[in-house]
Amino acid sequence: MTSSNAHSPNTQPYTFSQRAQKITSSTIREILKVTERPEIISFAGGLPAAKGFPVDTISAAFERVLSRNGRTALQYGPTEGYAPLREWVTQDLKRVGATDVNINQVLIVSGSQQALDLLGKLFIDPGSKVLVEAPSYLGALQSFSLFEPDYVAVPTDEHGLVPEGLTDERVAGARFIYALPNFQNPTGLTLNLERRKALVKRCAQANVPIIEDDPYGDLRYAGEALPGLLGLGREVGATVIRLGSFSKVLAPGLRLGYIVAPEAIISKLVQIKQATDLHTATLTQMAVYEAIQDGFLNFHLPAVRDIYKEQCGYMLEAMQQFFPADAHWTRPEGGMFIWVTLPEHINAYELLERAIKQNVAFVPGEPFYAGAEPKRNTMRLSFVTVSEERIREGIEILGRLIAETAISKAA
C-alpha cells in the first residue's frame, strides 16, 4: 500500500521562498570543510587566536552573575540590551573620538553579523543602491544580498577606499555605504585620517549614511590609532552607524556585539530585533559586563595584540623569503588578514585546487567583490591560528606553486 504522503524523487512536499532559493553557501565555509582535515595548513578561516581567549575570567564572571543575580540573568530582558553594558559602550567610544553618545543610541545584538542582518532589513528594498568597497567583507555581502540590493563599488587603491570616487552618479539614491576603516577584511588595509575626513564630509554632503564596521579596531599592533568615523562624522553632520563586537577582544562564542546610531534608527532597529529574537541573551550580556567593567580589557588586549603581531610577522617574513617577486601583498597594522595580488594571468581558484592537493588552503579573492569586476588573481591569507612552523611550511608551498603556475601560464 502506498502512503498518501509519498512523493516521487523529483518532487518536494514544500516550496522555498524565492529569497531562500537564491541563497548560496559561503565560499569560506565550503573551504573550511576541507580544512577540518588535520594535515591541512589553513590560512582560510578568519578565526581569532584561541590562546587569547580569557577563559578563566569569563568563567568567573558567569559564576558571579549566576550566584548574585541568577534569576534576573535567566529571565527575558529588554530588546535594547542590558543597560550597564550599553552605558559601558558609550564610555568606551570616547577612545575613538565619539564623546557625545548616549545610552539611547546603543543597541546590543547577537554578534555583529546580526547587526548586518538588521540593517539590511531596515534599509534595503529589492533594487536599492548600496555602496561597498571592492573588495569588501564577504559576510556583509552575503547578509545584504538576501534583500536583493544593487551593489555599486567605490574605487579603492593600495591605501583603501578612495573618497573622490563617491561621484554624484554613484551616491545618487544610495541607501548607505558600508566600510571597514580599520584593518579591513579582506585586505588588512587601514583608511588614513585624511581619507576618513574626506569620506564623512562627502557622505554628509550627499546625505548617504555610513555603516562603519569595526570589529578589529582594538587589534592594532603597529602605527598610530586613528579616530573612528562615528566621531568624525558627528563633526560634519554625517549619519554614521557604528558596529562593534566582543568577538575579537574576548571570544566569538559569546555572540555579542552592538550598534551605535541616531535614536530614530535605533528605535526602528529595536522593532526589527523584537521580531527577530526578542533580545540578546541576558546572561551573556551580564557576564561580559561583569568581566570588563573594571578595566579588564586594558590589561587583556595588549597580550592579544602581541599574539597577532607575532603571527603576522611570521607570515610576512615567510612571504618575503618564499613568494616570487611579481607577487604583492599588504602589510597590515592590525587585525588578521594579508591580501595578496598575484600576476594577472594566475587564477586563485585554480591555484587553490593545486594548493589543497599539497595540504594548504586559503580564500580566493573573487567572492569579496560586488558591483565590480572581481580580481581573480587575488587571495586572502589569515595568520592568527597557525603555528610559526606551519606558516613557514605553508607559505613555502604556496610560493612554489605560484612560481610554477606563472611558468606554466607563460609557456
Protein backbone atom coordinates (compact mmCIF):
# COMPACT_ATOMS: atom_id res chain seq x y z
CA MET A 1 0.00 0.00 0.00
CA THR A 2 1.34 3.42 -0.99
CA SER A 3 1.35 6.17 1.60
CA SER A 4 -0.64 9.27 0.73
CA ASN A 5 2.42 11.32 1.76
CA ALA A 6 4.75 9.60 -0.67
CA HIS A 7 6.47 11.76 -3.24
CA SER A 8 8.40 10.96 -6.35
CA PRO A 9 12.17 11.50 -6.20
CA ASN A 10 11.83 14.65 -8.33
CA THR A 11 9.28 16.46 -6.17
CA GLN A 12 9.32 18.11 -2.74
CA PRO A 13 6.45 18.46 -0.26
CA TYR A 14 7.44 22.08 0.34
CA THR A 15 8.39 25.21 -1.57
CA PHE A 16 11.19 27.54 -0.55
CA SER A 17 10.75 31.28 -0.88
CA GLN A 18 12.43 32.96 -3.82
CA ARG A 19 14.80 34.59 -1.34
CA ALA A 20 15.83 31.24 0.11
CA GLN A 21 16.33 29.75 -3.33
CA LYS A 22 18.83 32.49 -4.16
CA ILE A 23 20.98 31.85 -1.09
CA THR A 24 24.29 30.13 -1.78
CA SER A 25 26.84 28.65 0.58
CA SER A 26 29.71 30.79 1.79
CA THR A 27 32.88 30.19 -0.17
CA ILE A 28 34.85 30.34 3.05
CA ARG A 29 32.59 27.86 4.82
CA GLU A 30 32.97 25.41 1.95
CA ILE A 31 36.75 25.75 2.07
CA LEU A 32 36.71 25.29 5.84
CA LYS A 33 35.14 21.85 5.37
CA VAL A 34 38.40 20.85 3.74
CA THR A 35 40.49 22.45 6.47
CA GLU A 36 38.96 20.19 9.11
CA ARG A 37 41.46 17.60 7.97
CA PRO A 38 44.39 17.79 10.42
CA GLU A 39 47.02 17.65 7.69
CA ILE A 40 45.73 20.85 6.06
CA ILE A 41 47.65 24.06 6.77
CA SER A 42 44.79 26.54 6.71
CA PHE A 43 45.20 30.24 6.00
CA ALA A 44 41.49 30.36 5.13
CA GLY A 45 39.43 30.94 8.25
CA GLY A 46 39.05 34.33 9.91
CA LEU A 47 39.07 32.82 13.39
CA PRO A 48 40.69 34.69 16.28
CA ALA A 49 43.54 33.06 18.16
CA ALA A 50 42.01 30.75 20.76
CA LYS A 51 45.04 31.13 23.03
CA GLY A 52 43.91 34.73 23.52
CA PHE A 53 40.53 33.76 24.98
CA PRO A 54 40.29 34.75 28.69
CA VAL A 55 38.66 31.50 29.76
CA ASP A 56 39.19 31.88 33.50
CA THR A 57 37.97 35.49 33.56
CA ILE A 58 34.81 34.70 31.57
CA SER A 59 34.11 31.59 33.64
CA ALA A 60 34.41 33.54 36.87
CA ALA A 61 32.17 36.30 35.51
CA PHE A 62 29.38 33.85 34.65
CA GLU A 63 29.68 32.26 38.09
CA ARG A 64 29.43 35.61 39.88
CA VAL A 65 26.42 36.70 37.83
CA LEU A 66 24.57 33.45 38.45
CA SER A 67 25.36 33.36 42.15
CA ARG A 68 24.49 37.00 42.83
CA ASN A 69 21.74 37.75 40.33
CA GLY A 70 20.85 34.45 38.70
CA ARG A 71 17.10 34.88 38.40
CA THR A 72 17.48 38.18 36.57
CA ALA A 73 20.19 36.77 34.34
CA LEU A 74 18.00 33.83 33.33
CA GLN A 75 14.91 35.97 32.62
CA TYR A 76 13.82 37.79 29.49
CA GLY A 77 15.40 41.22 29.12
CA PRO A 78 14.82 44.47 27.22
CA THR A 79 15.35 44.38 23.47
CA GLU A 80 17.75 47.33 23.68
CA GLY A 81 20.10 45.30 25.85
CA TYR A 82 21.49 45.28 29.38
CA ALA A 83 21.67 48.94 30.46
CA PRO A 84 25.05 48.81 32.27
CA LEU A 85 26.66 47.22 29.20
CA ARG A 86 25.15 49.84 26.89
CA GLU A 87 26.45 52.55 29.19
CA TRP A 88 29.89 50.93 29.10
CA VAL A 89 29.80 51.16 25.30
CA THR A 90 29.07 54.88 25.43
CA GLN A 91 32.10 55.45 27.67
CA ASP A 92 34.38 53.19 25.64
CA LEU A 93 33.59 55.08 22.42
CA LYS A 94 35.37 58.14 23.81
CA ARG A 95 38.61 56.34 22.94
CA VAL A 96 37.79 56.63 19.23
CA GLY A 97 36.63 60.22 19.37
CA ALA A 98 32.87 59.76 19.90
CA THR A 99 32.30 61.80 23.07
CA ASP A 100 28.58 62.53 22.88
CA VAL A 101 26.96 59.09 22.54
CA ASN A 102 24.15 58.35 24.99
CA ILE A 103 22.64 55.05 26.04
CA ASN A 104 19.56 55.51 23.82
CA GLN A 105 21.86 55.36 20.79
CA VAL A 106 23.16 51.88 21.65
CA LEU A 107 21.56 48.53 20.78
CA ILE A 108 23.12 45.25 21.92
CA VAL A 109 22.92 42.50 19.27
CA SER A 110 23.75 38.81 18.98
CA GLY A 111 27.07 39.35 17.24
CA SER A 112 27.81 41.99 14.63
CA GLN A 113 26.57 39.61 11.95
CA GLN A 114 23.09 40.13 13.36
CA ALA A 115 23.70 43.86 13.15
CA LEU A 116 24.28 43.49 9.40
CA ASP A 117 21.07 41.49 9.03
CA LEU A 118 19.01 44.05 10.97
CA LEU A 119 20.45 46.92 8.96
CA GLY A 120 19.72 45.11 5.72
CA LYS A 121 16.11 44.72 6.79
CA LEU A 122 15.97 48.38 7.75
CA PHE A 123 17.46 49.96 4.64
CA ILE A 124 17.34 47.65 1.64
CA ASP A 125 14.47 47.05 -0.78
CA PRO A 126 14.94 44.98 -3.94
CA GLY A 127 17.00 47.13 -6.30
CA SER A 128 18.18 49.58 -3.62
CA LYS A 129 21.61 51.04 -4.32
CA VAL A 130 24.21 50.01 -1.74
CA LEU A 131 27.78 51.31 -1.91
CA VAL A 132 30.60 48.92 -0.98
CA GLU A 133 34.35 48.77 -1.11
CA ALA A 134 35.85 46.46 -3.70
CA PRO A 135 36.80 44.07 -2.20
CA SER A 136 34.56 44.03 0.89
CA TYR A 137 33.70 41.75 3.81
CA LEU A 138 32.07 38.61 2.44
CA GLY A 139 29.78 38.15 5.46
CA ALA A 140 28.25 41.58 4.89
CA LEU A 141 27.76 40.93 1.18
CA GLN A 142 26.01 37.65 1.96
CA SER A 143 23.78 39.28 4.57
CA PHE A 144 22.80 42.28 2.44
CA SER A 145 22.28 40.12 -0.65
CA LEU A 146 19.26 38.46 0.97
CA PHE A 147 17.43 41.75 0.41
CA GLU A 148 18.45 41.99 -3.26
CA PRO A 149 20.34 45.30 -3.40
CA ASP A 150 22.04 46.79 -6.42
CA TYR A 151 25.68 46.93 -5.37
CA VAL A 152 27.82 49.80 -6.61
CA ALA A 153 31.53 49.52 -5.95
CA VAL A 154 33.50 52.52 -4.72
CA PRO A 155 37.03 52.69 -6.16
CA THR A 156 39.88 51.52 -3.94
CA ASP A 157 43.64 51.55 -4.24
CA GLU A 158 46.64 50.37 -2.22
CA HIS A 159 45.52 52.70 0.60
CA GLY A 160 41.89 51.55 0.68
CA LEU A 161 38.68 53.35 -0.23
CA VAL A 162 39.08 56.46 -2.43
CA PRO A 163 36.62 59.15 -1.23
CA GLU A 164 36.93 61.03 -4.53
CA GLY A 165 35.28 58.01 -6.11
CA LEU A 166 31.99 58.99 -4.46
CA THR A 167 30.80 60.82 -7.53
CA ASP A 168 27.33 62.33 -7.86
CA GLU A 169 26.32 59.40 -10.04
CA ARG A 170 27.49 56.80 -7.53
CA VAL A 171 25.94 58.38 -4.44
CA ALA A 172 22.60 59.35 -6.02
CA GLY A 173 19.86 57.40 -4.25
CA ALA A 174 22.27 55.21 -2.25
CA ARG A 175 20.78 53.80 0.93
CA PHE A 176 24.20 53.64 2.62
CA ILE A 177 27.90 52.97 2.15
CA TYR A 178 29.41 50.03 4.01
CA ALA A 179 33.04 50.47 5.07
CA LEU A 180 35.65 48.87 7.33
CA PRO A 181 38.22 51.59 8.07
CA ASN A 182 40.49 49.55 10.34
CA PHE A 183 42.47 46.52 9.09
CA GLN A 184 39.79 45.80 6.54
CA ASN A 185 38.57 42.29 5.90
CA PRO A 186 39.83 41.02 3.46
CA THR A 187 42.71 43.39 2.60
CA GLY A 188 44.08 44.30 6.02
CA LEU A 189 44.26 47.95 4.91
CA THR A 190 43.58 50.94 7.17
CA LEU A 191 41.98 54.15 5.92
CA ASN A 192 44.20 57.12 6.78
CA LEU A 193 42.96 60.19 8.63
CA GLU A 194 42.77 62.39 5.54
CA ARG A 195 40.56 59.90 3.73
CA ARG A 196 38.39 59.36 6.80
CA LYS A 197 37.67 63.07 6.99
CA ALA A 198 37.02 63.26 3.25
CA LEU A 199 34.67 60.26 3.41
CA VAL A 200 32.45 61.60 6.19
CA LYS A 201 32.39 65.07 4.63
CA ARG A 202 31.34 63.72 1.24
CA CYS A 203 28.65 61.47 2.74
CA ALA A 204 27.31 64.39 4.79
CA GLN A 205 27.02 66.45 1.60
CA ALA A 206 25.28 63.61 -0.24
CA ASN A 207 23.05 62.54 2.69
CA VAL A 208 24.36 58.99 2.47
CA PRO A 209 24.59 57.10 5.80
CA ILE A 210 27.85 55.32 6.56
CA ILE A 211 27.90 51.89 8.18
CA GLU A 212 31.24 51.78 9.99
CA ASP A 213 32.06 48.16 10.77
CA ASP A 214 34.96 48.00 13.23
CA PRO A 215 35.44 44.51 14.68
CA TYR A 216 39.24 44.71 14.51
CA GLY A 217 39.93 48.26 15.69
CA ASP A 218 41.25 47.17 19.11
CA LEU A 219 43.75 44.81 17.49
CA ARG A 220 46.24 47.47 16.34
CA TYR A 221 49.84 46.35 16.81
CA ALA A 222 51.63 48.95 14.64
CA GLY A 223 51.19 52.58 13.69
CA GLU A 224 49.08 55.30 15.27
CA ALA A 225 45.50 54.88 16.48
CA LEU A 226 43.02 56.89 14.41
CA PRO A 227 39.63 58.40 15.31
CA GLY A 228 36.60 56.44 14.18
CA LEU A 229 34.17 57.55 11.51
CA LEU A 230 31.44 57.97 14.14
CA GLY A 231 33.17 60.84 15.93
CA LEU A 232 34.45 62.42 12.72
CA GLY A 233 31.01 62.17 11.17
CA ARG A 234 29.32 63.98 14.02
CA GLU A 235 31.67 66.92 13.50
CA VAL A 236 30.34 67.46 9.95
CA GLY A 237 26.75 66.25 10.28
CA ALA A 238 27.18 62.84 8.65
CA THR A 239 24.99 59.91 9.69
CA VAL A 240 27.36 57.19 10.87
CA ILE A 241 26.13 53.83 12.15
CA ARG A 242 28.91 52.10 14.03
CA LEU A 243 29.12 48.34 14.56
CA GLY A 244 31.26 46.88 17.33
CA SER A 245 31.92 43.34 18.51
CA PHE A 246 33.22 41.47 21.53
CA SER A 247 34.22 38.52 19.32
CA LYS A 248 37.79 39.65 18.70
CA VAL A 249 38.51 41.27 22.08
CA LEU A 250 37.02 38.46 24.21
CA ALA A 251 35.67 35.45 22.29
CA PRO A 252 33.39 34.87 19.28
CA GLY A 253 31.44 32.14 21.06
CA LEU A 254 29.82 34.82 23.21
CA ARG A 255 27.98 36.14 20.09
CA LEU A 256 27.82 39.68 21.41
CA GLY A 257 28.04 42.95 19.51
CA TYR A 258 26.42 46.36 19.34
CA ILE A 259 25.10 49.06 17.03
CA VAL A 260 25.54 52.78 17.72
CA ALA A 261 23.29 55.07 15.68
CA PRO A 262 20.95 58.06 15.92
CA GLU A 263 17.97 57.34 18.17
CA ALA A 264 15.49 57.29 15.26
CA ILE A 265 17.48 54.47 13.65
CA ILE A 266 17.92 52.57 16.93
CA SER A 267 14.19 52.81 17.61
CA LYS A 268 13.35 51.16 14.30
CA LEU A 269 16.10 48.54 14.74
CA VAL A 270 14.61 47.66 18.13
CA GLN A 271 11.29 46.90 16.45
CA ILE A 272 13.02 44.71 13.87
CA LYS A 273 15.03 42.88 16.53
CA GLN A 274 11.87 42.23 18.55
CA ALA A 275 10.56 40.32 15.53
CA THR A 276 13.88 38.51 15.16
CA ASP A 277 14.88 37.20 18.59
CA LEU A 278 13.25 39.45 21.22
CA HIS A 279 16.63 40.29 22.79
CA THR A 280 20.23 39.20 23.05
CA ALA A 281 20.97 36.63 25.78
CA THR A 282 20.67 38.37 29.15
CA LEU A 283 23.08 36.03 30.92
CA THR A 284 25.80 36.62 28.34
CA GLN A 285 25.41 40.40 28.45
CA MET A 286 25.57 40.48 32.23
CA ALA A 287 28.60 38.18 32.34
CA VAL A 288 30.51 40.20 29.75
CA TYR A 289 29.78 43.40 31.64
CA GLU A 290 30.90 41.73 34.87
CA ALA A 291 34.17 40.76 33.19
CA ILE A 292 35.03 44.12 31.61
CA GLN A 293 33.51 46.73 33.93
CA ASP A 294 36.67 47.32 35.97
CA GLY A 295 39.03 47.85 33.04
CA PHE A 296 39.92 44.23 32.31
CA LEU A 297 40.39 44.92 28.59
CA ASN A 298 43.15 47.42 29.36
CA PHE A 299 45.20 44.52 30.71
CA HIS A 300 43.94 41.79 28.40
CA LEU A 301 44.21 43.41 24.97
CA PRO A 302 47.97 44.12 24.97
CA ALA A 303 48.61 40.37 25.27
CA VAL A 304 46.18 39.64 22.44
CA ARG A 305 47.83 42.27 20.24
CA ASP A 306 51.22 40.69 20.92
CA ILE A 307 49.91 37.35 19.67
CA TYR A 308 48.61 38.87 16.45
CA LYS A 309 51.73 40.95 15.87
CA GLU A 310 53.95 37.91 16.28
CA GLN A 311 51.82 35.76 13.96
CA CYS A 312 51.68 38.49 11.32
CA GLY A 313 55.43 38.87 11.49
CA TYR A 314 55.95 35.14 10.92
CA MET A 315 53.85 35.23 7.75
CA LEU A 316 55.34 38.43 6.33
CA GLU A 317 58.86 37.10 6.84
CA ALA A 318 57.98 33.82 5.15
CA MET A 319 56.31 35.59 2.22
CA GLN A 320 59.37 37.79 1.75
CA GLN A 321 61.52 34.68 1.58
CA PHE A 322 59.37 32.34 -0.48
CA PHE A 323 56.96 34.34 -2.67
CA PRO A 324 58.10 35.37 -6.18
CA ALA A 325 58.98 39.00 -6.83
CA ASP A 326 55.96 39.60 -9.05
CA ALA A 327 53.51 38.85 -6.21
CA HIS A 328 52.48 41.77 -3.99
CA TRP A 329 50.82 41.90 -0.61
CA THR A 330 49.56 44.26 2.07
CA ARG A 331 51.34 44.89 5.37
CA PRO A 332 48.60 45.28 7.98
CA GLU A 333 49.00 47.43 11.08
CA GLY A 334 46.49 45.26 12.93
CA GLY A 335 43.82 42.66 12.51
CA MET A 336 44.03 39.20 10.99
CA PHE A 337 44.49 39.33 7.23
CA ILE A 338 47.01 39.81 4.44
CA TRP A 339 45.80 40.42 0.88
CA VAL A 340 47.89 39.04 -1.96
CA THR A 341 47.83 40.17 -5.57
CA LEU A 342 49.31 37.61 -7.92
CA PRO A 343 50.41 38.07 -11.54
CA GLU A 344 47.30 38.82 -13.63
CA HIS A 345 47.36 35.54 -15.54
CA ILE A 346 47.04 33.44 -12.35
CA ASN A 347 43.54 32.40 -11.30
CA ALA A 348 43.44 32.00 -7.50
CA TYR A 349 40.75 29.30 -7.68
CA GLU A 350 42.96 27.18 -9.90
CA LEU A 351 45.84 27.83 -7.53
CA LEU A 352 43.67 26.75 -4.59
CA GLU A 353 42.91 23.40 -6.24
CA ARG A 354 46.63 22.74 -6.58
CA ALA A 355 47.34 24.02 -3.07
CA ILE A 356 44.78 21.74 -1.41
CA LYS A 357 46.46 18.76 -3.06
CA GLN A 358 49.60 19.96 -1.24
CA ASN A 359 47.60 20.33 2.02
CA VAL A 360 47.43 24.15 2.04
CA ALA A 361 44.25 26.25 1.96
CA PHE A 362 43.45 29.94 1.51
CA VAL A 363 40.50 32.02 0.32
CA PRO A 364 40.47 33.23 -3.31
CA GLY A 365 39.70 36.94 -3.64
CA GLU A 366 36.87 36.72 -6.16
CA PRO A 367 33.93 36.27 -3.70
CA PHE A 368 34.83 39.52 -1.90
CA TYR A 369 33.84 41.63 -4.90
CA ALA A 370 30.35 43.02 -5.53
CA GLY A 371 29.31 45.64 -8.04
CA ALA A 372 32.68 45.44 -9.76
CA GLU A 373 34.65 43.05 -11.92
CA PRO A 374 36.36 40.66 -9.49
CA LYS A 375 40.14 40.38 -9.50
CA ARG A 376 40.65 36.66 -9.87
CA ASN A 377 44.38 36.94 -9.24
CA THR A 378 43.92 37.79 -5.56
CA MET A 379 43.71 35.83 -2.32
CA ARG A 380 43.25 36.38 1.40
CA LEU A 381 45.58 34.83 3.95
CA SER A 382 44.81 34.62 7.66
CA PHE A 383 47.72 34.07 10.02
CA VAL A 384 46.40 34.04 13.58
CA THR A 385 45.60 30.36 14.17
CA VAL A 386 48.66 28.73 12.55
CA SER A 387 51.96 27.98 14.26
CA GLU A 388 55.21 29.57 13.09
CA GLU A 389 56.47 26.26 11.74
CA ARG A 390 53.31 25.57 9.75
CA ILE A 391 53.15 29.17 8.48
CA ARG A 392 56.63 28.80 7.01
CA GLU A 393 55.82 25.38 5.56
CA GLY A 394 52.53 26.53 4.03
CA ILE A 395 53.92 29.78 2.61
CA GLU A 396 56.87 27.91 1.09
CA ILE A 397 54.46 25.54 -0.65
CA LEU A 398 52.31 28.43 -1.90
CA GLY A 399 55.36 30.31 -3.15
CA ARG A 400 56.50 27.30 -5.13
CA LEU A 401 53.03 26.75 -6.60
CA ILE A 402 52.72 30.43 -7.58
CA ALA A 403 56.07 30.29 -9.36
CA GLU A 404 55.22 27.01 -11.11
CA THR A 405 51.83 28.37 -12.19
CA ALA A 406 53.40 31.51 -13.58
CA ILE A 407 55.89 29.46 -15.61
CA SER A 408 53.20 27.10 -16.96
CA LYS A 409 50.92 30.00 -17.94
CA ALA A 410 53.74 31.76 -19.71
CA ALA A 411 54.79 28.65 -21.64
